Protein backbone atom coordinates (compact mmCIF):
# COMPACT_ATOMS: atom_id res chain seq x y z
CA UNK A 1 32.31 -55.79 85.89
CA UNK A 2 34.08 -59.13 85.19
CA UNK A 3 31.51 -59.64 82.29
CA UNK A 4 31.71 -56.35 81.02
CA UNK A 5 35.52 -56.98 80.35
CA UNK A 6 34.98 -60.14 79.24
CA UNK A 7 32.31 -59.32 76.49
CA UNK A 8 34.71 -56.08 74.97
CA UNK A 9 37.51 -58.76 75.05
CA UNK A 10 35.43 -61.50 72.78
CA UNK A 11 34.43 -58.46 70.44
CA UNK A 12 38.34 -57.64 70.19
CA UNK A 13 39.11 -61.09 69.35
CA UNK A 14 36.44 -61.54 66.81
CA UNK A 15 37.40 -58.34 65.15
CA UNK A 16 41.22 -59.55 64.98
CA UNK A 17 40.32 -63.17 63.62
CA UNK A 18 37.84 -61.16 61.27
CA UNK A 19 40.90 -58.33 60.36
CA UNK A 20 43.47 -61.36 59.76
CA UNK A 21 40.76 -63.31 57.68
CA UNK A 22 40.58 -60.15 55.23
CA UNK A 23 44.52 -59.98 55.53
CA UNK A 24 44.76 -63.60 53.97
CA UNK A 25 42.16 -63.03 51.52
CA UNK A 26 44.09 -59.88 50.05
CA UNK A 27 47.45 -61.65 50.41
CA UNK A 28 45.66 -64.18 47.92
CA UNK A 29 45.10 -61.50 45.55
CA UNK A 30 48.03 -59.35 45.82
CA UNK A 31 46.26 -56.58 47.26
CA UNK A 32 49.13 -55.46 49.87
CA UNK A 33 47.81 -52.05 50.16
CA UNK A 34 44.70 -52.99 51.55
CA UNK A 35 46.41 -54.96 54.11
CA UNK A 36 49.17 -52.42 55.13
CA UNK A 37 45.90 -50.21 55.88
CA UNK A 38 44.54 -52.49 57.72
CA UNK A 39 47.38 -52.34 60.17
CA UNK A 40 47.16 -49.55 62.61
CA UNK A 41 43.70 -50.96 63.32
CA UNK A 42 44.78 -53.87 64.01
CA UNK A 43 47.39 -53.30 66.27
CA UNK A 44 44.86 -51.04 67.76
CA UNK A 45 42.73 -53.92 68.70
CA UNK A 46 45.12 -56.18 69.86
CA UNK A 47 46.49 -54.06 72.55
CA UNK A 48 43.06 -53.04 73.43
CA UNK A 49 42.48 -57.16 73.64
CA UNK A 50 45.80 -57.20 75.83
CA UNK A 51 44.43 -54.39 78.14
CA UNK A 52 40.81 -55.73 78.30
CA UNK A 53 42.66 -59.41 79.43
CA UNK A 54 44.73 -57.89 81.74
CA UNK A 55 41.72 -56.54 83.77
CA UNK A 56 40.03 -59.76 83.21
CA UNK A 57 42.92 -61.15 85.13
CA UNK A 58 42.64 -58.62 87.56
CA UNK A 59 39.07 -58.96 88.43
CA UNK A 60 39.51 -62.73 88.97
CA UNK A 61 42.20 -62.45 90.94
CA UNK A 62 40.45 -60.06 93.29
CA UNK A 63 37.45 -62.24 93.68
CA UNK A 64 39.69 -65.23 94.48
CA UNK A 65 41.56 -62.74 97.08
CA UNK A 66 37.64 -61.81 98.43
CA UNK A 67 36.88 -65.52 99.03
CA UNK A 68 39.84 -67.46 99.80
CA UNK A 69 38.01 -70.60 100.60
CA UNK A 70 36.10 -70.46 97.42
CA UNK A 71 37.15 -72.11 93.96
CA UNK A 72 36.73 -70.22 91.25
CA UNK A 73 33.99 -71.98 89.44
CA UNK A 74 31.93 -71.12 92.35
CA UNK A 75 32.38 -67.50 92.09
CA UNK A 76 31.78 -67.29 88.35
CA UNK A 77 27.68 -66.60 87.49
CA UNK A 78 26.60 -68.77 84.35
CA UNK A 79 27.05 -66.00 81.54
CA UNK A 80 30.79 -65.83 83.07
CA UNK A 81 31.61 -69.20 82.80
CA UNK A 82 29.57 -69.23 79.14
CA UNK A 83 31.73 -65.82 78.12
CA UNK A 84 35.13 -67.68 79.59
CA UNK A 85 34.32 -71.16 77.33
CA UNK A 86 33.66 -68.52 74.25
CA UNK A 87 36.94 -66.84 75.04
CA UNK A 88 38.67 -70.04 74.65
CA UNK A 89 37.09 -70.99 71.43
CA UNK A 90 38.00 -67.93 69.96
CA UNK A 91 41.45 -67.70 70.97
CA UNK A 92 41.64 -71.17 69.52
CA UNK A 93 40.44 -69.96 66.39
CA UNK A 94 42.48 -66.96 66.17
CA UNK A 95 45.30 -69.40 66.51
CA UNK A 96 44.10 -71.51 63.60
CA UNK A 97 43.69 -68.13 61.26
CA UNK A 98 47.04 -66.87 62.64
CA UNK A 99 48.81 -69.81 61.76
CA UNK A 100 47.33 -70.07 58.17
CA UNK A 101 47.94 -66.72 57.79
CA UNK A 102 51.64 -67.12 58.92
CA UNK A 103 51.93 -69.54 55.98
CA UNK A 104 51.01 -67.23 53.38
CA UNK A 105 53.10 -64.65 54.65
CA UNK A 106 56.32 -67.18 54.94
CA UNK A 107 55.28 -68.01 50.98
CA UNK A 108 55.39 -64.64 50.06
CA UNK A 109 58.49 -63.68 51.83
CA UNK A 110 60.46 -66.65 50.16
CA UNK A 111 59.42 -65.63 47.06
CA UNK A 112 60.84 -62.32 47.31
CA UNK A 113 63.60 -63.73 48.78
CA UNK A 114 64.53 -65.70 46.03
CA UNK A 115 63.98 -63.31 43.15
CA UNK A 116 66.35 -60.51 45.03
CA UNK A 117 68.47 -63.56 45.27
CA UNK A 118 68.52 -63.66 41.80
CA UNK A 119 68.69 -59.89 40.93
CA UNK A 120 71.38 -59.37 43.16
CA UNK A 121 73.38 -62.54 44.57
CA UNK A 122 74.85 -62.52 48.15
CA UNK A 123 77.19 -63.94 50.42
CA UNK A 124 77.44 -64.20 53.88
CA UNK A 125 80.16 -62.34 55.52
CA UNK A 126 80.05 -63.15 58.83
CA UNK A 127 75.78 -62.56 60.30
CA UNK A 128 75.56 -60.02 57.38
CA UNK A 129 74.45 -60.65 53.97
CA UNK A 130 76.35 -58.56 50.98
CA UNK A 131 76.77 -58.29 47.51
CA UNK A 132 78.97 -60.47 45.65
CA UNK A 133 81.62 -58.79 43.92
CA UNK A 134 79.89 -60.29 40.63
CA UNK A 135 76.61 -58.98 41.65
CA UNK A 136 75.34 -57.46 38.38
CA UNK A 137 71.60 -55.77 37.74
CA UNK A 138 71.92 -56.45 34.10
CA UNK A 139 73.38 -59.25 32.25
CA UNK A 140 73.66 -59.59 28.47
CA UNK A 141 73.90 -62.55 26.69
CA UNK A 142 74.28 -62.95 22.47
């Protein structure tokens, strides 16, 4: 059963990486609708991965309880060791891809915030921003 959960988790993880790479390409091209359309699929894959990871944790802890004097590496077969190693590699890949994605998201967010600030100047009122009294959407210069 552990091998089945490992393969499922790896499949979900690869799908999440692929979706995130597609998101990066769509951000570069400003295809936000395509990115938003994939959002529910991405959330579904993340939930599925988390569920499978919980099952992996449960299976491993069960194996450890059933064999109290045996170390984990001795309990796993070669295929399971290989799947765990691949899982570590894919998690590292996901971290790199998410970091790259976050840079794009922050850049775009800052750009939109600066545009908005130029259109509607705001000032801080405690912890909340509010439009300044001199905020206008249209300014005419002669």
